[in-house]
Full PDB file with SEQRES, HELIX, SHEET, SSBOND, CRYST1, ORIGX, SCALE, CONECT and MASTER records, all heavy atoms in Angstrom:
SEQRES   1 A   36  LEU VAL GLY ALA PRO GLU PRO GLY ASP ALA VAL LEU LEU          
SEQRES   2 A   36  ASN VAL SER ALA LEU ALA ARG ARG LEU GLY THR GLY GLY          
SEQRES   3 A   36  PHE ALA LEU VAL THR ALA ILE PRO ASP ARG                      
HELIX    1 AA1 SER A   16  ALA A   19  1                                   4    
SHEET    1 AA1 2 LEU A  12  ASN A  14  0                                        
SHEET    2 AA1 2 LEU A  29  ALA A  32 -1                                        
CRYST1    1.000    1.000    1.000  90.00  90.00  90.00 P 1           1          
ORIGX1      1.000000  0.000000  0.000000        0.00000                         
ORIGX2      0.000000  1.000000  0.000000        0.00000                         
ORIGX3      0.000000  0.000000  1.000000        0.00000                         
SCALE1      1.000000  0.000000  0.000000        0.00000                         
SCALE2      0.000000  1.000000  0.000000        0.00000                         
SCALE3      0.000000  0.000000  1.000000        0.00000                         
ATOM      1  N   LEU A   1      29.224 137.559 -59.294  1.00  0.00           N  
ATOM      2  CA  LEU A   1      29.225 136.362 -60.124  1.00  0.00           C  
ATOM      3  C   LEU A   1      29.189 136.675 -61.609  1.00  0.00           C  
ATOM      4  O   LEU A   1      29.893 136.043 -62.404  1.00  0.00           O  
ATOM      5  CB  LEU A   1      28.027 135.467 -59.767  1.00  0.00           C  
ATOM      6  CG  LEU A   1      27.901 135.010 -58.312  1.00  0.00           C  
ATOM      7  CD1 LEU A   1      26.680 134.119 -58.150  1.00  0.00           C  
ATOM      8  CD2 LEU A   1      29.157 134.280 -57.857  1.00  0.00           C  
ATOM      9  N   VAL A   2      28.341 137.636 -62.011  1.00  0.00           N  
ATOM     10  CA  VAL A   2      28.128 137.876 -63.449  1.00  0.00           C  
ATOM     11  C   VAL A   2      28.528 139.273 -63.890  1.00  0.00           C  
ATOM     12  O   VAL A   2      28.481 139.583 -65.084  1.00  0.00           O  
ATOM     13  CB  VAL A   2      26.657 137.616 -63.837  1.00  0.00           C  
ATOM     14  CG1 VAL A   2      26.246 136.191 -63.497  1.00  0.00           C  
ATOM     15  CG2 VAL A   2      25.711 138.614 -63.174  1.00  0.00           C  
ATOM     16  N   GLY A   3      28.918 140.135 -62.969  1.00  0.00           N  
ATOM     17  CA  GLY A   3      29.206 141.518 -63.316  1.00  0.00           C  
ATOM     18  C   GLY A   3      27.998 142.411 -63.075  1.00  0.00           C  
ATOM     19  O   GLY A   3      26.951 141.963 -62.596  1.00  0.00           O  
ATOM     20  N   ALA A   4      28.140 143.688 -63.406  1.00  0.00           N  
ATOM     21  CA  ALA A   4      27.097 144.687 -63.141  1.00  0.00           C  
ATOM     22  C   ALA A   4      26.482 145.151 -64.460  1.00  0.00           C  
ATOM     23  O   ALA A   4      27.083 145.948 -65.189  1.00  0.00           O  
ATOM     24  CB  ALA A   4      27.681 145.876 -62.385  1.00  0.00           C  
ATOM     25  N   PRO A   5      25.284 144.671 -64.802  1.00  0.00           N  
ATOM     26  CA  PRO A   5      24.664 145.082 -66.064  1.00  0.00           C  
ATOM     27  C   PRO A   5      24.336 146.576 -66.064  1.00  0.00           C  
ATOM     28  O   PRO A   5      23.924 147.137 -65.045  1.00  0.00           O  
ATOM     29  CB  PRO A   5      23.385 144.245 -66.116  1.00  0.00           C  
ATOM     30  CG  PRO A   5      23.602 143.123 -65.157  1.00  0.00           C  
ATOM     31  CD  PRO A   5      24.471 143.686 -64.084  1.00  0.00           C  
ATOM     32  N   GLU A   6      24.514 147.196 -67.228  1.00  0.00           N  
ATOM     33  CA  GLU A   6      24.205 148.608 -67.413  1.00  0.00           C  
ATOM     34  C   GLU A   6      23.093 148.747 -68.443  1.00  0.00           C  
ATOM     35  O   GLU A   6      22.875 147.845 -69.267  1.00  0.00           O  
ATOM     36  CB  GLU A   6      25.449 149.366 -67.896  1.00  0.00           C  
ATOM     37  CG  GLU A   6      26.628 149.331 -66.937  1.00  0.00           C  
ATOM     38  CD  GLU A   6      26.416 150.195 -65.704  1.00  0.00           C  
ATOM     39  OE1 GLU A   6      25.415 150.940 -65.660  1.00  0.00           O  
ATOM     40  OE2 GLU A   6      27.251 150.112 -64.779  1.00  0.00           O  
ATOM     41  N   PRO A   7      22.356 149.872 -68.409  1.00  0.00           N  
ATOM     42  CA  PRO A   7      21.335 150.085 -69.440  1.00  0.00           C  
ATOM     43  C   PRO A   7      21.908 149.900 -70.838  1.00  0.00           C  
ATOM     44  O   PRO A   7      23.007 150.367 -71.147  1.00  0.00           O  
ATOM     45  CB  PRO A   7      20.902 151.528 -69.189  1.00  0.00           C  
ATOM     46  CG  PRO A   7      21.122 151.730 -67.722  1.00  0.00           C  
ATOM     47  CD  PRO A   7      22.374 150.964 -67.411  1.00  0.00           C  
ATOM     48  N   GLY A   8      21.179 149.165 -71.660  1.00  0.00           N  
ATOM     49  CA  GLY A   8      21.612 148.866 -73.013  1.00  0.00           C  
ATOM     50  C   GLY A   8      22.283 147.525 -73.153  1.00  0.00           C  
ATOM     51  O   GLY A   8      22.416 147.003 -74.272  1.00  0.00           O  
ATOM     52  N   ASP A   9      22.733 146.919 -72.037  1.00  0.00           N  
ATOM     53  CA  ASP A   9      23.388 145.617 -72.118  1.00  0.00           C  
ATOM     54  C   ASP A   9      22.400 144.519 -72.516  1.00  0.00           C  
ATOM     55  O   ASP A   9      21.246 144.492 -72.050  1.00  0.00           O  
ATOM     56  CB  ASP A   9      23.997 145.231 -70.769  1.00  0.00           C  
ATOM     57  CG  ASP A   9      25.347 145.865 -70.507  1.00  0.00           C  
ATOM     58  OD1 ASP A   9      25.983 146.316 -71.475  1.00  0.00           O  
ATOM     59  OD2 ASP A   9      25.759 145.897 -69.323  1.00  0.00           O  
ATOM     60  N   ALA A  10      22.862 143.618 -73.357  1.00  0.00           N  
ATOM     61  CA  ALA A  10      22.124 142.390 -73.627  1.00  0.00           C  
ATOM     62  C   ALA A  10      22.459 141.387 -72.525  1.00  0.00           C  
ATOM     63  O   ALA A  10      23.625 141.224 -72.160  1.00  0.00           O  
ATOM     64  CB  ALA A  10      22.507 141.833 -74.984  1.00  0.00           C  
ATOM     65  N   VAL A  11      21.430 140.742 -71.978  1.00  0.00           N  
ATOM     66  CA  VAL A  11      21.639 139.785 -70.884  1.00  0.00           C  
ATOM     67  C   VAL A  11      20.876 138.505 -71.174  1.00  0.00           C  
ATOM     68  O   VAL A  11      19.879 138.494 -71.916  1.00  0.00           O  
ATOM     69  CB  VAL A  11      21.173 140.365 -69.525  1.00  0.00           C  
ATOM     70  CG1 VAL A  11      22.078 141.502 -69.080  1.00  0.00           C  
ATOM     71  CG2 VAL A  11      19.723 140.837 -69.576  1.00  0.00           C  
ATOM     72  N   LEU A  12      21.366 137.424 -70.591  1.00  0.00           N  
ATOM     73  CA  LEU A  12      20.650 136.155 -70.592  1.00  0.00           C  
ATOM     74  C   LEU A  12      19.970 135.991 -69.240  1.00  0.00           C  
ATOM     75  O   LEU A  12      20.605 136.199 -68.201  1.00  0.00           O  
ATOM     76  CB  LEU A  12      21.605 134.985 -70.831  1.00  0.00           C  
ATOM     77  CG  LEU A  12      22.232 134.874 -72.218  1.00  0.00           C  
ATOM     78  CD1 LEU A  12      23.180 133.681 -72.264  1.00  0.00           C  
ATOM     79  CD2 LEU A  12      21.160 134.728 -73.279  1.00  0.00           C  
ATOM     80  N   LEU A  13      18.689 135.629 -69.251  1.00  0.00           N  
ATOM     81  CA  LEU A  13      17.906 135.547 -68.019  1.00  0.00           C  
ATOM     82  C   LEU A  13      17.349 134.149 -67.809  1.00  0.00           C  
ATOM     83  O   LEU A  13      16.910 133.488 -68.757  1.00  0.00           O  
ATOM     84  CB  LEU A  13      16.722 136.527 -68.075  1.00  0.00           C  
ATOM     85  CG  LEU A  13      17.015 138.013 -68.262  1.00  0.00           C  
ATOM     86  CD1 LEU A  13      15.695 138.783 -68.304  1.00  0.00           C  
ATOM     87  CD2 LEU A  13      17.904 138.538 -67.155  1.00  0.00           C  
ATOM     88  N   ASN A  14      17.341 133.727 -66.567  1.00  0.00           N  
ATOM     89  CA  ASN A  14      16.548 132.588 -66.118  1.00  0.00           C  
ATOM     90  C   ASN A  14      15.228 133.167 -65.621  1.00  0.00           C  
ATOM     91  O   ASN A  14      15.193 133.902 -64.636  1.00  0.00           O  
ATOM     92  CB  ASN A  14      17.287 131.857 -64.994  1.00  0.00           C  
ATOM     93  CG  ASN A  14      16.513 130.691 -64.417  1.00  0.00           C  
ATOM     94  OD1 ASN A  14      15.282 130.650 -64.472  1.00  0.00           O  
ATOM     95  ND2 ASN A  14      17.224 129.741 -63.833  1.00  0.00           N  
ATOM     96  N   VAL A  15      14.126 132.853 -66.310  1.00  0.00           N  
ATOM     97  CA  VAL A  15      12.819 133.437 -65.966  1.00  0.00           C  
ATOM     98  C   VAL A  15      11.849 132.371 -65.461  1.00  0.00           C  
ATOM     99  O   VAL A  15      10.632 132.553 -65.493  1.00  0.00           O  
ATOM    100  CB  VAL A  15      12.202 134.185 -67.168  1.00  0.00           C  
ATOM    101  CG1 VAL A  15      13.065 135.373 -67.562  1.00  0.00           C  
ATOM    102  CG2 VAL A  15      11.994 133.247 -68.361  1.00  0.00           C  
ATOM    103  N   SER A  16      12.376 131.257 -64.958  1.00  0.00           N  
ATOM    104  CA  SER A  16      11.513 130.137 -64.572  1.00  0.00           C  
ATOM    105  C   SER A  16      10.488 130.529 -63.516  1.00  0.00           C  
ATOM    106  O   SER A  16       9.307 130.162 -63.606  1.00  0.00           O  
ATOM    107  CB  SER A  16      12.367 128.980 -64.064  1.00  0.00           C  
ATOM    108  OG  SER A  16      13.249 128.531 -65.063  1.00  0.00           O  
ATOM    109  N   ALA A  17      10.928 131.265 -62.471  1.00  0.00           N  
ATOM    110  CA  ALA A  17      10.000 131.625 -61.395  1.00  0.00           C  
ATOM    111  C   ALA A  17       8.898 132.541 -61.914  1.00  0.00           C  
ATOM    112  O   ALA A  17       7.734 132.422 -61.509  1.00  0.00           O  
ATOM    113  CB  ALA A  17      10.755 132.302 -60.255  1.00  0.00           C  
ATOM    114  N   LEU A  18       9.248 133.457 -62.812  1.00  0.00           N  
ATOM    115  CA  LEU A  18       8.231 134.335 -63.386  1.00  0.00           C  
ATOM    116  C   LEU A  18       7.273 133.547 -64.276  1.00  0.00           C  
ATOM    117  O   LEU A  18       6.066 133.795 -64.279  1.00  0.00           O  
ATOM    118  CB  LEU A  18       8.898 135.445 -64.203  1.00  0.00           C  
ATOM    119  CG  LEU A  18       9.741 136.460 -63.429  1.00  0.00           C  
ATOM    120  CD1 LEU A  18      10.336 137.482 -64.384  1.00  0.00           C  
ATOM    121  CD2 LEU A  18       8.911 137.165 -62.366  1.00  0.00           C  
ATOM    122  N   ALA A  19       7.799 132.598 -65.023  1.00  0.00           N  
ATOM    123  CA  ALA A  19       6.951 131.792 -65.893  1.00  0.00           C  
ATOM    124  C   ALA A  19       5.942 130.990 -65.094  1.00  0.00           C  
ATOM    125  O   ALA A  19       4.805 130.783 -65.535  1.00  0.00           O  
ATOM    126  CB  ALA A  19       7.819 130.859 -66.742  1.00  0.00           C  
ATOM    127  N   ARG A  20       6.347 130.557 -63.887  1.00  0.00           N  
ATOM    128  CA  ARG A  20       5.436 129.789 -63.036  1.00  0.00           C  
ATOM    129  C   ARG A  20       4.638 130.681 -62.088  1.00  0.00           C  
ATOM    130  O   ARG A  20       3.870 130.195 -61.274  1.00  0.00           O  
ATOM    131  CB  ARG A  20       6.246 128.775 -62.212  1.00  0.00           C  
ATOM    132  CG  ARG A  20       6.949 127.714 -63.047  1.00  0.00           C  
ATOM    133  CD  ARG A  20       5.967 126.759 -63.703  1.00  0.00           C  
ATOM    134  NE  ARG A  20       5.216 126.020 -62.715  1.00  0.00           N  
ATOM    135  CZ  ARG A  20       5.631 124.872 -62.172  1.00  0.00           C  
ATOM    136  NH1 ARG A  20       6.806 124.357 -62.536  1.00  0.00           N  
ATOM    137  NH2 ARG A  20       4.891 124.241 -61.289  1.00  0.00           N  
ATOM    138  N   ARG A  21       4.853 131.999 -62.182  1.00  0.00           N  
ATOM    139  CA  ARG A  21       4.140 132.987 -61.365  1.00  0.00           C  
ATOM    140  C   ARG A  21       4.334 132.730 -59.875  1.00  0.00           C  
ATOM    141  O   ARG A  21       3.400 132.807 -59.062  1.00  0.00           O  
ATOM    142  CB  ARG A  21       2.651 133.008 -61.711  1.00  0.00           C  
ATOM    143  CG  ARG A  21       2.390 133.360 -63.163  1.00  0.00           C  
ATOM    144  CD  ARG A  21       0.919 133.526 -63.469  1.00  0.00           C  
ATOM    145  NE  ARG A  21       0.720 133.873 -64.866  1.00  0.00           N  
ATOM    146  CZ  ARG A  21      -0.466 134.169 -65.414  1.00  0.00           C  
ATOM    147  NH1 ARG A  21      -1.552 134.144 -64.660  1.00  0.00           N  
ATOM    148  NH2 ARG A  21      -0.556 134.478 -66.684  1.00  0.00           N  
ATOM    149  N   LEU A  22       5.570 132.430 -59.507  1.00  0.00           N  
ATOM    150  CA  LEU A  22       5.879 132.195 -58.099  1.00  0.00           C  
ATOM    151  C   LEU A  22       6.134 133.510 -57.385  1.00  0.00           C  
ATOM    152  O   LEU A  22       6.727 134.431 -57.945  1.00  0.00           O  
ATOM    153  CB  LEU A  22       7.128 131.305 -57.963  1.00  0.00           C  
ATOM    154  CG  LEU A  22       7.046 129.905 -58.565  1.00  0.00           C  
ATOM    155  CD1 LEU A  22       8.357 129.176 -58.317  1.00  0.00           C  
ATOM    156  CD2 LEU A  22       5.880 129.128 -57.978  1.00  0.00           C  
ATOM    157  N   GLY A  23       5.699 133.590 -56.115  1.00  0.00           N  
ATOM    158  CA  GLY A  23       6.042 134.751 -55.297  1.00  0.00           C  
ATOM    159  C   GLY A  23       7.484 134.654 -54.836  1.00  0.00           C  
ATOM    160  O   GLY A  23       8.266 135.592 -54.976  1.00  0.00           O  
ATOM    161  N   THR A  24       7.859 133.481 -54.293  1.00  0.00           N  
ATOM    162  CA  THR A  24       9.245 133.268 -53.869  1.00  0.00           C  
ATOM    163  C   THR A  24      10.125 133.135 -55.096  1.00  0.00           C  
ATOM    164  O   THR A  24       9.847 132.358 -55.990  1.00  0.00           O  
ATOM    165  CB  THR A  24       9.343 131.990 -53.019  1.00  0.00           C  
ATOM    166  OG1 THR A  24       8.552 132.159 -51.857  1.00  0.00           O  
ATOM    167  CG2 THR A  24      10.785 131.723 -52.615  1.00  0.00           C  
ATOM    168  N   GLY A  25      11.191 133.897 -55.120  1.00  0.00           N  
ATOM    169  CA  GLY A  25      12.095 133.846 -56.258  1.00  0.00           C  
ATOM    170  C   GLY A  25      11.546 134.510 -57.487  1.00  0.00           C  
ATOM    171  O   GLY A  25      12.005 134.242 -58.598  1.00  0.00           O  
ATOM    172  N   GLY A  26      10.567 135.388 -57.328  1.00  0.00           N  
ATOM    173  CA  GLY A  26       9.897 135.984 -58.470  1.00  0.00           C  
ATOM    174  C   GLY A  26      10.682 137.060 -59.181  1.00  0.00           C  
ATOM    175  O   GLY A  26      10.165 138.156 -59.448  1.00  0.00           O  
ATOM    176  N   PHE A  27      11.922 136.786 -59.482  1.00  0.00           N  
ATOM    177  CA  PHE A  27      12.763 137.672 -60.273  1.00  0.00           C  
ATOM    178  C   PHE A  27      13.180 136.941 -61.539  1.00  0.00           C  
ATOM    179  O   PHE A  27      13.275 135.718 -61.566  1.00  0.00           O  
ATOM    180  CB  PHE A  27      14.066 138.026 -59.534  1.00  0.00           C  
ATOM    181  CG  PHE A  27      13.940 139.036 -58.445  1.00  0.00           C  
ATOM    182  CD1 PHE A  27      13.704 138.636 -57.137  1.00  0.00           C  
ATOM    183  CD2 PHE A  27      14.076 140.391 -58.697  1.00  0.00           C  
ATOM    184  CE1 PHE A  27      13.609 139.563 -56.122  1.00  0.00           C  
ATOM    185  CE2 PHE A  27      13.991 141.326 -57.693  1.00  0.00           C  
ATOM    186  CZ  PHE A  27      13.756 140.917 -56.397  1.00  0.00           C  
ATOM    187  N   ALA A  28      13.480 137.714 -62.583  1.00  0.00           N  
ATOM    188  CA  ALA A  28      14.317 137.181 -63.637  1.00  0.00           C  
ATOM    189  C   ALA A  28      15.757 137.292 -63.137  1.00  0.00           C  
ATOM    190  O   ALA A  28      16.149 138.319 -62.583  1.00  0.00           O  
ATOM    191  CB  ALA A  28      14.132 137.992 -64.914  1.00  0.00           C  
ATOM    192  N   LEU A  29      16.525 136.238 -63.301  1.00  0.00           N  
ATOM    193  CA  LEU A  29      17.881 136.205 -62.766  1.00  0.00           C  
ATOM    194  C   LEU A  29      18.886 136.261 -63.913  1.00  0.00           C  
ATOM    195  O   LEU A  29      18.826 135.443 -64.849  1.00  0.00           O  
ATOM    196  CB  LEU A  29      18.097 134.935 -61.947  1.00  0.00           C  
ATOM    197  CG  LEU A  29      17.200 134.827 -60.701  1.00  0.00           C  
ATOM    198  CD1 LEU A  29      17.316 133.445 -60.075  1.00  0.00           C  
ATOM    199  CD2 LEU A  29      17.558 135.891 -59.683  1.00  0.00           C  
ATOM    200  N   VAL A  30      19.787 137.210 -63.811  1.00  0.00           N  
ATOM    201  CA  VAL A  30      20.808 137.374 -64.850  1.00  0.00           C  
ATOM    202  C   VAL A  30      21.835 136.259 -64.709  1.00  0.00           C  
ATOM    203  O   VAL A  30      22.456 136.096 -63.649  1.00  0.00           O  
ATOM    204  CB  VAL A  30      21.489 138.751 -64.736  1.00  0.00           C  
ATOM    205  CG1 VAL A  30      22.611 138.874 -65.771  1.00  0.00           C  
ATOM    206  CG2 VAL A  30      20.473 139.875 -64.912  1.00  0.00           C  
ATOM    207  N   THR A  31      22.010 135.492 -65.769  1.00  0.00           N  
ATOM    208  CA  THR A  31      23.011 134.427 -65.765  1.00  0.00           C  
ATOM    209  C   THR A  31      24.275 134.825 -66.515  1.00  0.00           C  
ATOM    210  O   THR A  31      25.329 134.216 -66.294  1.00  0.00           O  
ATOM    211  CB  THR A  31      22.446 133.141 -66.381  1.00  0.00           C  
ATOM    212  OG1 THR A  31      22.070 133.407 -67.738  1.00  0.00           O  
ATOM    213  CG2 THR A  31      21.222 132.666 -65.606  1.00  0.00           C  
ATOM    214  N   ALA A  32      24.192 135.805 -67.385  1.00  0.00           N  
ATOM    215  CA  ALA A  32      25.391 136.250 -68.107  1.00  0.00           C  
ATOM    216  C   ALA A  32      25.114 137.571 -68.809  1.00  0.00           C  
ATOM    217  O   ALA A  32      23.968 137.895 -69.156  1.00  0.00           O  
ATOM    218  CB  ALA A  32      25.828 135.206 -69.129  1.00  0.00           C  
ATOM    219  N   ILE A  33      26.182 138.338 -68.991  1.00  0.00           N  
ATOM    220  CA  ILE A  33      26.196 139.518 -69.861  1.00  0.00           C  
ATOM    221  C   ILE A  33      27.118 139.138 -71.010  1.00  0.00           C  
ATOM    222  O   ILE A  33      28.332 139.389 -70.956  1.00  0.00           O  
ATOM    223  CB  ILE A  33      26.718 140.765 -69.110  1.00  0.00           C  
ATOM    224  CG1 ILE A  33      26.039 140.897 -67.742  1.00  0.00           C  
ATOM    225  CG2 ILE A  33      26.508 142.034 -69.932  1.00  0.00           C  
ATOM    226  CD1 ILE A  33      26.682 141.950 -66.849  1.00  0.00           C  
ATOM    227  N   PRO A  34      26.604 138.487 -72.048  1.00  0.00           N  
ATOM    228  CA  PRO A  34      27.478 137.828 -73.032  1.00  0.00           C  
ATOM    229  C   PRO A  34      28.479 138.757 -73.712  1.00  0.00           C  
ATOM    230  O   PRO A  34      29.598 138.333 -74.025  1.00  0.00           O  
ATOM    231  CB  PRO A  34      26.487 137.249 -74.042  1.00  0.00           C  
ATOM    232  CG  PRO A  34      25.189 137.152 -73.321  1.00  0.00           C  
ATOM    233  CD  PRO A  34      25.182 138.283 -72.346  1.00  0.00           C  
ATOM    234  N   ASP A  35      28.071 140.005 -73.944  1.00  0.00           N  
ATOM    235  CA  ASP A  35      28.961 140.905 -74.684  1.00  0.00           C  
ATOM    236  C   ASP A  35      29.911 141.687 -73.782  1.00  0.00           C  
ATOM    237  O   ASP A  35      30.724 142.474 -74.289  1.00  0.00           O  
ATOM    238  CB  ASP A  35      28.119 141.902 -75.502  1.00  0.00           C  
ATOM    239  CG  ASP A  35      27.237 141.203 -76.530  1.00  0.00           C  
ATOM    240  OD1 ASP A  35      27.661 140.140 -77.024  1.00  0.00           O  
ATOM    241  OD2 ASP A  35      26.129 141.701 -76.806  1.00  0.00           O  
ATOM    242  N   ARG A  36      29.802 141.486 -72.468  1.00  0.00           N  
ATOM    243  CA  ARG A  36      30.669 142.233 -71.550  1.00  0.00           C  
ATOM    244  C   ARG A  36      30.923 141.371 -70.308  1.00  0.00           C  
ATOM    245  O   ARG A  36      30.434 141.654 -69.225  1.00  0.00           O  
ATOM    246  CB  ARG A  36      30.014 143.577 -71.177  1.00  0.00           C  
ATOM    247  CG  ARG A  36      30.979 144.561 -70.512  1.00  0.00           C  
ATOM    248  CD  ARG A  36      30.381 145.984 -70.509  1.00  0.00           C  
ATOM    249  NE  ARG A  36      29.095 146.042 -69.862  1.00  0.00           N  
ATOM    250  CZ  ARG A  36      28.936 146.111 -68.526  1.00  0.00           C  
ATOM    251  NH1 ARG A  36      29.982 146.106 -67.739  1.00  0.00           N  
ATOM    252  NH2 ARG A  36      27.728 146.186 -68.013  1.00  0.00           N  
TER     253      ARG A  36                                                      
MASTER        0    0    0    1    2    0    0    6  252    1    0    3          
END                                                                             
């Protein structure tokens, strides 16, 4: 969906689950690699 981020890439993240400290879905999710 968004490509394969590499070290050094700037990414946009959805961090809602982490902000709410949820166990289910407890990842930051990459929504875009704007520069690549």
